[in-house]
Every structure is written in C-alpha cells, then in structure tokens.
C-alpha cells in the first residue's frame, strides 16, 4: 500500500488556507515466476509448453532453426524469462553454430 499526499491551497478572506487530503491506493505485485521454478510447477510448465508449441508453429516470426521445434522454442522462452525479455525478440537474435545455439551480443 502506498499513500500519496495531495495538497491544494486557496485564499479565503485574505488568508491562505490549506486543504490536505491523503489518497491511498493499493498496488499488487505482478504475478511472476522464474524459469527455473516454472519447470517444477505443473500448471506453469503446461502454460510454457503451450506457448512454446505456439511459437514453434510460427513461420515468419521465428528463425528457420526454431520453426517446428517446440523443445528448442521452450529453451528460448525460458531464457527470455530469465532476461525479462520478449521470447520472439530473443528468438530473432539467435543462430546456430555447429549445432549449438548462440545469442547475438545485443542480447547478452
């Protein structure tokens, strides 16, 4: 919970009057889970798997080395979670070198 102080001053019969109101708002923390915890949480793992499958079905928005490969897309999704980034943006900055996935320096 955080409180913001709102003040307004006005004149009344030549005197400056001050009105102070306290406004309270409730803030909720975003519902987040780390990639390492997600693989041990059945519900979160199911959501990640569904997202990786959706990502693997992409033809244009993921590089050819990820298209049709849900397990590889899952690795990208989990890495993107660790970095707090969009999985599709991370995917676009990957490449293969002798069968090993590499990331462009812009990401790291």
PDB file of N, CA and C in Angstrom:
ATOM      1  N   UNK A   1       0.843  -1.162   0.000  1.00  0.00           N
ATOM      2  CA  UNK A   1       0.000   0.000   0.000  1.00  0.00           C
ATOM      3  C   UNK A   1       0.893   1.231   0.000  1.00  0.00           C
ATOM      4  N   UNK A   2       0.550   2.209  -0.813  1.00  0.00           N
ATOM      5  CA  UNK A   2       1.313   3.444  -0.805  1.00  0.00           C
ATOM      6  C   UNK A   2       0.340   4.601  -0.631  1.00  0.00           C
ATOM      7  N   UNK A   3       0.819   5.661  -0.069  1.00  0.00           N
ATOM      8  CA  UNK A   3      -0.028   6.824   0.148  1.00  0.00           C
ATOM      9  C   UNK A   3       0.568   8.014  -0.585  1.00  0.00           C
ATOM     10  N   UNK A   4      -0.265   8.763  -1.227  1.00  0.00           N
ATOM     11  CA  UNK A   4       0.169   9.976  -1.907  1.00  0.00           C
ATOM     12  C   UNK A   4      -0.505  11.153  -1.210  1.00  0.00           C
ATOM     13  N   UNK A   5       0.236  12.195  -0.985  1.00  0.00           N
ATOM     14  CA  UNK A   5      -0.289  13.363  -0.298  1.00  0.00           C
ATOM     15  C   UNK A   5      -0.698  14.394  -1.339  1.00  0.00           C
ATOM     16  N   UNK A   6      -1.944  14.809  -1.264  1.00  0.00           N
ATOM     17  CA  UNK A   6      -2.464  15.778  -2.223  1.00  0.00           C
ATOM     18  C   UNK A   6      -2.752  17.066  -1.456  1.00  0.00           C
ATOM     19  N   UNK A   7      -2.157  18.152  -1.907  1.00  0.00           N
ATOM     20  CA  UNK A   7      -2.361  19.432  -1.241  1.00  0.00           C
ATOM     21  C   UNK A   7      -2.950  20.438  -2.221  1.00  0.00           C
ATOM     22  N   UNK A   8      -3.812  21.268  -1.719  1.00  0.00           N
ATOM     23  CA  UNK A   8      -4.262  22.396  -2.528  1.00  0.00           C
ATOM     24  C   UNK A   8      -4.412  23.598  -1.604  1.00  0.00           C
ATOM     25  N   UNK A   9      -3.931  24.716  -2.062  1.00  0.00           N
ATOM     26  CA  UNK A   9      -4.009  25.945  -1.275  1.00  0.00           C
ATOM     27  C   UNK A   9      -4.990  26.888  -1.960  1.00  0.00           C
ATOM     28  N   UNK A  10      -5.744  27.610  -1.166  1.00  0.00           N
ATOM     29  CA  UNK A  10      -6.678  28.581  -1.726  1.00  0.00           C
ATOM     30  C   UNK A  10      -6.804  29.745  -0.753  1.00  0.00           C
ATOM     31  N   UNK A  11      -7.284  30.862  -1.262  1.00  0.00           N
ATOM     32  CA  UNK A  11      -7.441  32.057  -0.427  1.00  0.00           C
ATOM     33  C   UNK A  11      -8.881  32.149   0.083  1.00  0.00           C
ATOM     34  N   UNK A  12      -8.992  32.468   1.360  1.00  0.00           N
ATOM     35  CA  UNK A  12     -10.309  32.675   1.960  1.00  0.00           C
ATOM     36  C   UNK A  12     -10.205  33.895   2.873  1.00  0.00           C
ATOM     37  N   UNK A  13     -10.890  34.979   2.534  1.00  0.00           N
ATOM     38  CA  UNK A  13     -10.891  36.222   3.313  1.00  0.00           C
ATOM     39  C   UNK A  13      -9.479  36.716   3.579  1.00  0.00           C
ATOM     40  N   UNK A  14      -8.637  36.704   2.527  1.00  0.00           N
ATOM     41  CA  UNK A  14      -7.294  37.255   2.655  1.00  0.00           C
ATOM     42  C   UNK A  14      -6.278  36.314   3.275  1.00  0.00           C
ATOM     43  N   UNK A  15      -6.713  35.179   3.791  1.00  0.00           N
ATOM     44  CA  UNK A  15      -5.789  34.223   4.400  1.00  0.00           C
ATOM     45  C   UNK A  15      -5.605  33.042   3.459  1.00  0.00           C
ATOM     46  N   UNK A  16      -4.409  32.502   3.451  1.00  0.00           N
ATOM     47  CA  UNK A  16      -4.165  31.308   2.642  1.00  0.00           C
ATOM     48  C   UNK A  16      -4.563  30.101   3.475  1.00  0.00           C
ATOM     49  N   UNK A  17      -5.481  29.355   2.942  1.00  0.00           N
ATOM     50  CA  UNK A  17      -5.962  28.147   3.606  1.00  0.00           C
ATOM     51  C   UNK A  17      -5.353  26.944   2.893  1.00  0.00           C
ATOM     52  N   UNK A  18      -5.106  25.915   3.619  1.00  0.00           N
ATOM     53  CA  UNK A  18      -4.533  24.709   3.010  1.00  0.00           C
ATOM     54  C   UNK A  18      -5.424  23.514   3.308  1.00  0.00           C
ATOM     55  N   UNK A  19      -5.711  22.773   2.270  1.00  0.00           N
ATOM     56  CA  UNK A  19      -6.524  21.569   2.397  1.00  0.00           C
ATOM     57  C   UNK A  19      -5.622  20.383   2.074  1.00  0.00           C
ATOM     58  N   UNK A  20      -5.479  19.482   2.999  1.00  0.00           N
ATOM     59  CA  UNK A  20      -4.618  18.320   2.787  1.00  0.00           C
ATOM     60  C   UNK A  20      -5.471  17.061   2.814  1.00  0.00           C
ATOM     61  N   UNK A  21      -5.406  16.310   1.735  1.00  0.00           N
ATOM     62  CA  UNK A  21      -6.125  15.040   1.639  1.00  0.00           C
ATOM     63  C   UNK A  21      -5.112  13.922   1.441  1.00  0.00           C
ATOM     64  N   UNK A  22      -5.329  12.808   2.097  1.00  0.00           N
ATOM     65  CA  UNK A  22      -4.474  11.644   1.882  1.00  0.00           C
ATOM     66  C   UNK A  22      -5.225  10.674   0.987  1.00  0.00           C
ATOM     67  N   UNK A  23      -4.588  10.320  -0.098  1.00  0.00           N
ATOM     68  CA  UNK A  23      -5.178   9.392  -1.051  1.00  0.00           C
ATOM     69  C   UNK A  23      -4.384   8.098  -0.976  1.00  0.00           C
ATOM     70  N   UNK A  24      -5.054   7.005  -0.715  1.00  0.00           N
ATOM     71  CA  UNK A  24      -4.364   5.721  -0.647  1.00  0.00           C
ATOM     72  C   UNK A  24      -4.755   4.846  -1.822  1.00  0.00           C
ATOM     73  N   UNK A  25      -3.772   4.167  -2.338  1.00  0.00           N
ATOM     74  CA  UNK A  25      -4.010   3.224  -3.428  1.00  0.00           C
ATOM     75  C   UNK A  25      -3.315   1.920  -3.092  1.00  0.00           C
ATOM     76  N   UNK A  26      -3.897   0.852  -3.534  1.00  0.00           N
ATOM     77  CA  UNK A  26      -3.287  -0.454  -3.317  1.00  0.00           C
ATOM     78  C   UNK A  26      -2.590  -0.885  -4.583  1.00  0.00           C
ATOM     79  N   UNK A  27      -1.376  -1.372  -4.443  1.00  0.00           N
ATOM     80  CA  UNK A  27      -0.624  -1.863  -5.582  1.00  0.00           C
ATOM     81  C   UNK A  27      -0.397  -3.348  -5.412  1.00  0.00           C
ATOM     82  N   UNK A  28      -0.597  -4.073  -6.504  1.00  0.00           N
ATOM     83  CA  UNK A  28      -0.344  -5.500  -6.474  1.00  0.00           C
ATOM     84  C   UNK A  28       0.930  -5.787  -7.241  1.00  0.00           C
ATOM     85  N   UNK A  29       1.731  -6.671  -6.703  1.00  0.00           N
ATOM     86  CA  UNK A  29       2.926  -7.102  -7.416  1.00  0.00           C
ATOM     87  C   UNK A  29       2.502  -7.988  -8.581  1.00  0.00           C
ATOM     88  N   UNK A  30       3.212  -7.889  -9.707  1.00  0.00           N
ATOM     89  CA  UNK A  30       2.854  -8.754 -10.829  1.00  0.00           C
ATOM     90  C   UNK A  30       3.038 -10.218 -10.457  1.00  0.00           C
ATOM     91  N   UNK A  31       2.189 -11.057 -11.016  1.00  0.00           N
ATOM     92  CA  UNK A  31       2.265 -12.490 -10.760  1.00  0.00           C
ATOM     93  C   UNK A  31       3.351 -13.073 -11.658  1.00  0.00           C
ATOM     94  N   UNK A  32       4.533 -13.238 -11.114  1.00  0.00           N
ATOM     95  CA  UNK A  32       5.652 -13.731 -11.911  1.00  0.00           C
ATOM     96  C   UNK A  32       6.212 -15.005 -11.299  1.00  0.00           C
ATOM     97  N   UNK A  33       6.867 -15.764 -12.128  1.00  0.00           N
ATOM     98  CA  UNK A  33       7.523 -16.987 -11.689  1.00  0.00           C
ATOM     99  C   UNK A  33       8.819 -17.102 -12.481  1.00  0.00           C
ATOM    100  N   UNK A  34       9.873 -17.546 -11.843  1.00  0.00           N
ATOM    101  CA  UNK A  34      11.142 -17.668 -12.553  1.00  0.00           C
ATOM    102  C   UNK A  34      11.113 -18.900 -13.450  1.00  0.00           C
ATOM    103  N   UNK A  35      11.955 -18.884 -14.457  1.00  0.00           N
ATOM    104  CA  UNK A  35      12.021 -20.008 -15.395  1.00  0.00           C
ATOM    105  C   UNK A  35      12.416 -21.290 -14.674  1.00  0.00           C
ATOM    106  N   UNK A  36      13.339 -21.190 -13.730  1.00  0.00           N
ATOM    107  CA  UNK A  36      13.779 -22.393 -13.020  1.00  0.00           C
ATOM    108  C   UNK A  36      12.667 -22.964 -12.144  1.00  0.00           C
ATOM    109  N   UNK A  37      11.829 -22.110 -11.575  1.00  0.00           N
ATOM    110  CA  UNK A  37      10.696 -22.591 -10.780  1.00  0.00           C
ATOM    111  C   UNK A  37       9.559 -23.082 -11.660  1.00  0.00           C
ATOM    112  N   UNK A  38       9.424 -22.508 -12.842  1.00  0.00           N
ATOM    113  CA  UNK A  38       8.317 -22.864 -13.734  1.00  0.00           C
ATOM    114  C   UNK A  38       8.373 -24.319 -14.174  1.00  0.00           C
ATOM    115  N   UNK A  39       9.552 -24.858 -14.352  1.00  0.00           N
ATOM    116  CA  UNK A  39       9.640 -26.240 -14.837  1.00  0.00           C
ATOM    117  C   UNK A  39       9.225 -27.248 -13.773  1.00  0.00           C
ATOM    118  N   UNK A  40       9.166 -26.824 -12.514  1.00  0.00           N
ATOM    119  CA  UNK A  40       8.746 -27.717 -11.436  1.00  0.00           C
ATOM    120  C   UNK A  40       7.309 -27.452 -10.991  1.00  0.00           C
ATOM    121  N   UNK A  41       6.648 -26.516 -11.640  1.00  0.00           N
ATOM    122  CA  UNK A  41       5.261 -26.178 -11.345  1.00  0.00           C
ATOM    123  C   UNK A  41       4.415 -26.699 -12.504  1.00  0.00           C
ATOM    124  N   UNK A  42       3.558 -27.678 -12.234  1.00  0.00           N
ATOM    125  CA  UNK A  42       2.807 -28.360 -13.296  1.00  0.00           C
ATOM    126  C   UNK A  42       1.983 -27.381 -14.125  1.00  0.00           C
ATOM    127  N   UNK A  43       1.286 -26.464 -13.472  1.00  0.00           N
ATOM    128  CA  UNK A  43       0.452 -25.505 -14.205  1.00  0.00           C
ATOM    129  C   UNK A  43       1.313 -24.570 -15.053  1.00  0.00           C
ATOM    130  N   UNK A  44       2.374 -24.028 -14.474  1.00  0.00           N
ATOM    131  CA  UNK A  44       3.250 -23.115 -15.220  1.00  0.00           C
ATOM    132  C   UNK A  44       3.939 -23.836 -16.368  1.00  0.00           C
ATOM    133  N   UNK A  45       4.363 -25.070 -16.133  1.00  0.00           N
ATOM    134  CA  UNK A  45       5.016 -25.839 -17.193  1.00  0.00           C
ATOM    135  C   UNK A  45       4.051 -26.083 -18.348  1.00  0.00           C
ATOM    136  N   UNK A  46       2.797 -26.357 -18.037  1.00  0.00           N
ATOM    137  CA  UNK A  46       1.787 -26.536 -19.082  1.00  0.00           C
ATOM    138  C   UNK A  46       1.599 -25.276 -19.913  1.00  0.00           C
ATOM    139  N   UNK A  47       1.603 -24.125 -19.251  1.00  0.00           N
ATOM    140  CA  UNK A  47       1.463 -22.857 -19.966  1.00  0.00           C
ATOM    141  C   UNK A  47       2.688 -22.575 -20.828  1.00  0.00           C
ATOM    142  N   UNK A  48       3.869 -22.860 -20.298  1.00  0.00           N
ATOM    143  CA  UNK A  48       5.102 -22.672 -21.074  1.00  0.00           C
ATOM    144  C   UNK A  48       5.130 -23.591 -22.286  1.00  0.00           C
ATOM    145  N   UNK A  49       4.702 -24.826 -22.088  1.00  0.00           N
ATOM    146  CA  UNK A  49       4.676 -25.798 -23.188  1.00  0.00           C
ATOM    147  C   UNK A  49       3.709 -25.345 -24.275  1.00  0.00           C
ATOM    148  N   UNK A  50       2.542 -24.878 -23.878  1.00  0.00           N
ATOM    149  CA  UNK A  50       1.564 -24.381 -24.854  1.00  0.00           C
ATOM    150  C   UNK A  50       2.127 -23.187 -25.618  1.00  0.00           C
ATOM    151  N   UNK A  51       2.818 -22.300 -24.915  1.00  0.00           N
ATOM    152  CA  UNK A  51       3.410 -21.136 -25.576  1.00  0.00           C
ATOM    153  C   UNK A  51       4.525 -21.563 -26.522  1.00  0.00           C
ATOM    154  N   UNK A  52       5.361 -22.493 -26.091  1.00  0.00           N
ATOM    155  CA  UNK A  52       6.450 -22.985 -26.947  1.00  0.00           C
ATOM    156  C   UNK A  52       5.890 -23.663 -28.193  1.00  0.00           C
ATOM    157  N   UNK A  53       4.793 -24.406 -28.050  1.00  0.00           N
ATOM    158  CA  UNK A  53       4.145 -25.033 -29.213  1.00  0.00           C
ATOM    159  C   UNK A  53       3.616 -23.976 -30.173  1.00  0.00           C
ATOM    160  N   UNK A  54       2.996 -22.941 -29.633  1.00  0.00           N
ATOM    161  CA  UNK A  54       2.502 -21.843 -30.457  1.00  0.00           C
ATOM    162  C   UNK A  54       3.657 -21.166 -31.193  1.00  0.00           C
ATOM    163  N   UNK A  55       4.728 -20.933 -30.465  1.00  0.00           N
ATOM    164  CA  UNK A  55       5.905 -20.293 -31.057  1.00  0.00           C
ATOM    165  C   UNK A  55       6.497 -21.166 -32.167  1.00  0.00           C
ATOM    166  N   UNK A  56       6.553 -22.470 -31.942  1.00  0.00           N
ATOM    167  CA  UNK A  56       7.113 -23.397 -32.933  1.00  0.00           C
ATOM    168  C   UNK A  56       6.262 -23.458 -34.192  1.00  0.00           C
ATOM    169  N   UNK A  57       4.976 -23.171 -34.077  1.00  0.00           N
ATOM    170  CA  UNK A  57       4.082 -23.160 -35.241  1.00  0.00           C
ATOM    171  C   UNK A  57       4.287 -21.929 -36.117  1.00  0.00           C
ATOM    172  N   UNK A  58       5.028 -20.952 -35.622  1.00  0.00           N
ATOM    173  CA  UNK A  58       5.262 -19.716 -36.378  1.00  0.00           C
ATOM    174  C   UNK A  58       6.099 -19.994 -37.617  1.00  0.00           C
ATOM    175  N   UNK A  59       5.789 -19.305 -38.680  1.00  0.00           N
ATOM    176  CA  UNK A  59       6.550 -19.436 -39.920  1.00  0.00           C
ATOM    177  C   UNK A  59       7.410 -18.207 -40.181  1.00  0.00           C
ATOM    178  N   UNK A  60       6.923 -17.052 -39.799  1.00  0.00           N
ATOM    179  CA  UNK A  60       7.596 -15.802 -40.129  1.00  0.00           C
ATOM    180  C   UNK A  60       8.279 -15.175 -38.914  1.00  0.00           C
ATOM    181  N   UNK A  61       7.704 -15.365 -37.737  1.00  0.00           N
ATOM    182  CA  UNK A  61       8.169 -14.633 -36.555  1.00  0.00           C
ATOM    183  C   UNK A  61       9.280 -15.318 -35.778  1.00  0.00           C
ATOM    184  N   UNK A  62       9.651 -16.524 -36.167  1.00  0.00           N
ATOM    185  CA  UNK A  62      10.811 -17.185 -35.553  1.00  0.00           C
ATOM    186  C   UNK A  62      11.759 -17.617 -36.669  1.00  0.00           C
ATOM    187  N   UNK A  63      13.058 -17.676 -36.386  1.00  0.00           N
ATOM    188  CA  UNK A  63      14.014 -18.114 -37.400  1.00  0.00           C
ATOM    189  C   UNK A  63      13.762 -19.566 -37.814  1.00  0.00           C
ATOM    190  N   UNK A  64      14.239 -19.925 -38.984  1.00  0.00           N
ATOM    191  CA  UNK A  64      14.026 -21.271 -39.536  1.00  0.00           C
ATOM    192  C   UNK A  64      14.535 -22.364 -38.606  1.00  0.00           C
ATOM    193  N   UNK A  65      15.622 -22.107 -37.875  1.00  0.00           N
ATOM    194  CA  UNK A  65      16.166 -23.145 -36.995  1.00  0.00           C
ATOM    195  C   UNK A  65      15.287 -23.416 -35.769  1.00  0.00           C
ATOM    196  N   UNK A  66      14.260 -22.588 -35.543  1.00  0.00           N
ATOM    197  CA  UNK A  66      13.326 -22.815 -34.430  1.00  0.00           C
ATOM    198  C   UNK A  66      11.942 -23.254 -34.897  1.00  0.00           C
ATOM    199  N   UNK A  67      11.608 -22.984 -36.142  1.00  0.00           N
ATOM    200  CA  UNK A  67      10.280 -23.322 -36.663  1.00  0.00           C
ATOM    201  C   UNK A  67      10.059 -24.828 -36.606  1.00  0.00           C
ATOM    202  N   UNK A  68       8.926 -25.214 -36.026  1.00  0.00           N
ATOM    203  CA  UNK A  68       8.580 -26.630 -35.922  1.00  0.00           C
ATOM    204  C   UNK A  68       9.310 -27.383 -34.827  1.00  0.00           C
ATOM    205  N   UNK A  69       9.993 -26.674 -33.944  1.00  0.00           N
ATOM    206  CA  UNK A  69      10.772 -27.319 -32.874  1.00  0.00           C
ATOM    207  C   UNK A  69      10.355 -26.766 -31.506  1.00  0.00           C
ATOM    208  N   UNK A  70       9.291 -27.336 -30.936  1.00  0.00           N
ATOM    209  CA  UNK A  70       8.783 -26.818 -29.659  1.00  0.00           C
ATOM    210  C   UNK A  70       9.790 -26.892 -28.513  1.00  0.00           C
ATOM    211  N   UNK A  71      10.593 -27.927 -28.468  1.00  0.00           N
ATOM    212  CA  UNK A  71      11.567 -28.042 -27.370  1.00  0.00           C
ATOM    213  C   UNK A  71      12.612 -26.932 -27.455  1.00  0.00           C
ATOM    214  N   UNK A  72      13.047 -26.606 -28.656  1.00  0.00           N
ATOM    215  CA  UNK A  72      14.006 -25.516 -28.817  1.00  0.00           C
ATOM    216  C   UNK A  72      13.352 -24.172 -28.492  1.00  0.00           C
ATOM    217  N   UNK A  73      12.092 -24.025 -28.881  1.00  0.00           N
ATOM    218  CA  UNK A  73      11.358 -22.804 -28.547  1.00  0.00           C
ATOM    219  C   UNK A  73      11.181 -22.682 -27.037  1.00  0.00           C
ATOM    220  N   UNK A  74      10.992 -23.807 -26.353  1.00  0.00           N
ATOM    221  CA  UNK A  74      10.879 -23.794 -24.889  1.00  0.00           C
ATOM    222  C   UNK A  74      12.169 -23.244 -24.273  1.00  0.00           C
ATOM    223  N   UNK A  75      13.301 -23.641 -24.810  1.00  0.00           N
ATOM    224  CA  UNK A  75      14.578 -23.128 -24.304  1.00  0.00           C
ATOM    225  C   UNK A  75      14.666 -21.615 -24.498  1.00  0.00           C
ATOM    226  N   UNK A  76      14.188 -21.136 -25.628  1.00  0.00           N
ATOM    227  CA  UNK A  76      14.189 -19.695 -25.895  1.00  0.00           C
ATOM    228  C   UNK A  76      13.253 -18.980 -24.926  1.00  0.00           C
ATOM    229  N   UNK A  77      12.072 -19.534 -24.715  1.00  0.00           N
ATOM    230  CA  UNK A  77      11.093 -18.932 -23.801  1.00  0.00           C
ATOM    231  C   UNK A  77      11.677 -18.844 -22.392  1.00  0.00           C
ATOM    232  N   UNK A  78      12.308 -19.904 -21.941  1.00  0.00           N
ATOM    233  CA  UNK A  78      12.873 -19.904 -20.587  1.00  0.00           C
ATOM    234  C   UNK A  78      14.025 -18.906 -20.465  1.00  0.00           C
ATOM    235  N   UNK A  79      14.856 -18.806 -21.493  1.00  0.00           N
ATOM    236  CA  UNK A  79      15.951 -17.834 -21.455  1.00  0.00           C
ATOM    237  C   UNK A  79      15.389 -16.414 -21.465  1.00  0.00           C
ATOM    238  N   UNK A  80      14.370 -16.193 -22.280  1.00  0.00           N
ATOM    239  CA  UNK A  80      13.736 -14.873 -22.323  1.00  0.00           C
ATOM    240  C   UNK A  80      13.155 -14.504 -20.959  1.00  0.00           C
ATOM    241  N   UNK A  81      12.574 -15.481 -20.269  1.00  0.00           N
ATOM    242  CA  UNK A  81      12.049 -15.233 -18.920  1.00  0.00           C
ATOM    243  C   UNK A  81      13.170 -14.807 -17.982  1.00  0.00           C
ATOM    244  N   UNK A  82      14.303 -15.482 -18.055  1.00  0.00           N
ATOM    245  CA  UNK A  82      15.437 -15.147 -17.187  1.00  0.00           C
ATOM    246  C   UNK A  82      15.914 -13.713 -17.423  1.00  0.00           C
ATOM    247  N   UNK A  83      15.889 -13.299 -18.687  1.00  0.00           N
ATOM    248  CA  UNK A  83      16.341 -11.955 -19.043  1.00  0.00           C
ATOM    249  C   UNK A  83      15.231 -10.918 -18.959  1.00  0.00           C
ATOM    250  N   UNK A  84      13.980 -11.351 -18.724  1.00  0.00           N
ATOM    251  CA  UNK A  84      12.855 -10.420 -18.678  1.00  0.00           C
ATOM    252  C   UNK A  84      12.552  -9.813 -20.035  1.00  0.00           C
ATOM    253  N   UNK A  85      12.681 -10.620 -21.086  1.00  0.00           N
ATOM    254  CA  UNK A  85      12.502 -10.131 -22.454  1.00  0.00           C
ATOM    255  C   UNK A  85      11.391 -10.884 -23.178  1.00  0.00           C
ATOM    256  N   UNK A  86      10.997 -10.355 -24.318  1.00  0.00           N
ATOM    257  CA  UNK A  86      10.007 -10.975 -25.188  1.00  0.00           C
ATOM    258  C   UNK A  86      10.643 -12.183 -25.874  1.00  0.00           C
ATOM    259  N   UNK A  87      10.047 -13.376 -25.764  1.00  0.00           N
ATOM    260  CA  UNK A  87      10.634 -14.574 -26.375  1.00  0.00           C
ATOM    261  C   UNK A  87      10.820 -14.467 -27.888  1.00  0.00           C
ATOM    262  N   UNK A  88       9.911 -13.785 -28.559  1.00  0.00           N
ATOM    263  CA  UNK A  88      10.046 -13.629 -30.009  1.00  0.00           C
ATOM    264  C   UNK A  88      11.240 -12.740 -30.355  1.00  0.00           C
ATOM    265  N   UNK A  89      11.480 -11.709 -29.560  1.00  0.00           N
ATOM    266  CA  UNK A  89      12.642 -10.844 -29.784  1.00  0.00           C
ATOM    267  C   UNK A  89      13.932 -11.618 -29.544  1.00  0.00           C
ATOM    268  N   UNK A  90      13.954 -12.441 -28.500  1.00  0.00           N
ATOM    269  CA  UNK A  90      15.141 -13.259 -28.224  1.00  0.00           C
ATOM    270  C   UNK A  90      15.366 -14.242 -29.366  1.00  0.00           C
ATOM    271  N   UNK A  91      14.300 -14.880 -29.826  1.00  0.00           N
ATOM    272  CA  UNK A  91      14.414 -15.860 -30.918  1.00  0.00           C
ATOM    273  C   UNK A  91      15.038 -15.237 -32.157  1.00  0.00           C
ATOM    274  N   UNK A  92      14.654 -14.001 -32.466  1.00  0.00           N
ATOM    275  CA  UNK A  92      15.178 -13.333 -33.659  1.00  0.00           C
ATOM    276  C   UNK A  92      16.674 -13.061 -33.565  1.00  0.00           C
ATOM    277  N   UNK A  93      17.209 -13.070 -32.373  1.00  0.00           N
ATOM    278  CA  UNK A  93      18.636 -12.784 -32.172  1.00  0.00           C
ATOM    279  C   UNK A  93      19.437 -14.045 -31.856  1.00  0.00           C
ATOM    280  N   UNK A  94      18.954 -15.203 -32.323  1.00  0.00           N
ATOM    281  CA  UNK A  94      19.681 -16.461 -32.121  1.00  0.00           C
ATOM    282  C   UNK A  94      20.184 -16.995 -33.449  1.00  0.00           C
ATOM    283  N   UNK A  95      21.159 -17.885 -33.361  1.00  0.00           N
ATOM    284  CA  UNK A  95      21.719 -18.541 -34.547  1.00  0.00           C
ATOM    285  C   UNK A  95      22.326 -19.878 -34.128  1.00  0.00           C
ATOM    286  N   UNK A  96      22.592 -20.711 -35.081  1.00  0.00           N
ATOM    287  CA  UNK A  96      23.244 -22.000 -34.821  1.00  0.00           C
ATOM    288  C   UNK A  96      24.670 -21.968 -35.345  1.00  0.00           C
ATOM    289  N   UNK A  97      25.592 -22.471 -34.540  1.00  0.00           N
ATOM    290  CA  UNK A  97      26.984 -22.641 -34.949  1.00  0.00           C
ATOM    291  C   UNK A  97      27.354 -24.078 -34.620  1.00  0.00           C
ATOM    292  N   UNK A  98      27.546 -24.879 -35.649  1.00  0.00           N
ATOM    293  CA  UNK A  98      27.864 -26.302 -35.474  1.00  0.00           C
ATOM    294  C   UNK A  98      26.874 -27.000 -34.543  1.00  0.00           C
ATOM    295  N   UNK A  99      25.594 -26.678 -34.705  1.00  0.00           N
ATOM    296  CA  UNK A  99      24.549 -27.325 -33.920  1.00  0.00           C
ATOM    297  C   UNK A  99      24.361 -26.773 -32.521  1.00  0.00           C
ATOM    298  N   UNK A 100      25.085 -25.721 -32.173  1.00  0.00           N
ATOM    299  CA  UNK A 100      24.979 -25.116 -30.840  1.00  0.00           C
ATOM    300  C   UNK A 100      24.284 -23.761 -30.975  1.00  0.00           C
ATOM    301  N   UNK A 101      23.280 -23.532 -30.130  1.00  0.00           N
ATOM    302  CA  UNK A 101      22.529 -22.284 -30.166  1.00  0.00           C
ATOM    303  C   UNK A 101      23.379 -21.148 -29.620  1.00  0.00           C
ATOM    304  N   UNK A 102      23.428 -20.067 -30.369  1.00  0.00           N
ATOM    305  CA  UNK A 102      24.166 -18.883 -29.932  1.00  0.00           C
ATOM    306  C   UNK A 102      23.245 -17.680 -29.873  1.00  0.00           C
ATOM    307  N   UNK A 103      23.622 -16.713 -29.067  1.00  0.00           N
ATOM    308  CA  UNK A 103      22.854 -15.478 -28.914  1.00  0.00           C
ATOM    309  C   UNK A 103      23.705 -14.311 -29.386  1.00  0.00           C
ATOM    310  N   UNK A 104      23.079 -13.370 -30.086  1.00  0.00           N
ATOM    311  CA  UNK A 104      23.804 -12.182 -30.517  1.00  0.00           C
ATOM    312  C   UNK A 104      24.197 -11.362 -29.296  1.00  0.00           C
ATOM    313  N   UNK A 105      25.301 -10.662 -29.407  1.00  0.00           N
ATOM    314  CA  UNK A 105      25.827  -9.875 -28.292  1.00  0.00           C
ATOM    315  C   UNK A 105      24.849  -8.800 -27.832  1.00  0.00           C
ATOM    316  N   UNK A 106      23.961  -8.355 -28.705  1.00  0.00           N
ATOM    317  CA  UNK A 106      22.976  -7.341 -28.333  1.00  0.00           C
ATOM    318  C   UNK A 106      22.091  -7.816 -27.181  1.00  0.00           C
ATOM    319  N   UNK A 107      21.905  -9.119 -27.053  1.00  0.00           N
ATOM    320  CA  UNK A 107      21.039  -9.669 -26.005  1.00  0.00           C
ATOM    321  C   UNK A 107      21.755  -9.838 -24.678  1.00  0.00           C
ATOM    322  N   UNK A 108      23.006 -10.170 -24.739  1.00  0.00           N
ATOM    323  CA  UNK A 108      23.727 -10.589 -23.535  1.00  0.00           C
ATOM    324  C   UNK A 108      24.295  -9.413 -22.782  1.00  0.00           C
TER     325      UNK A 108
END
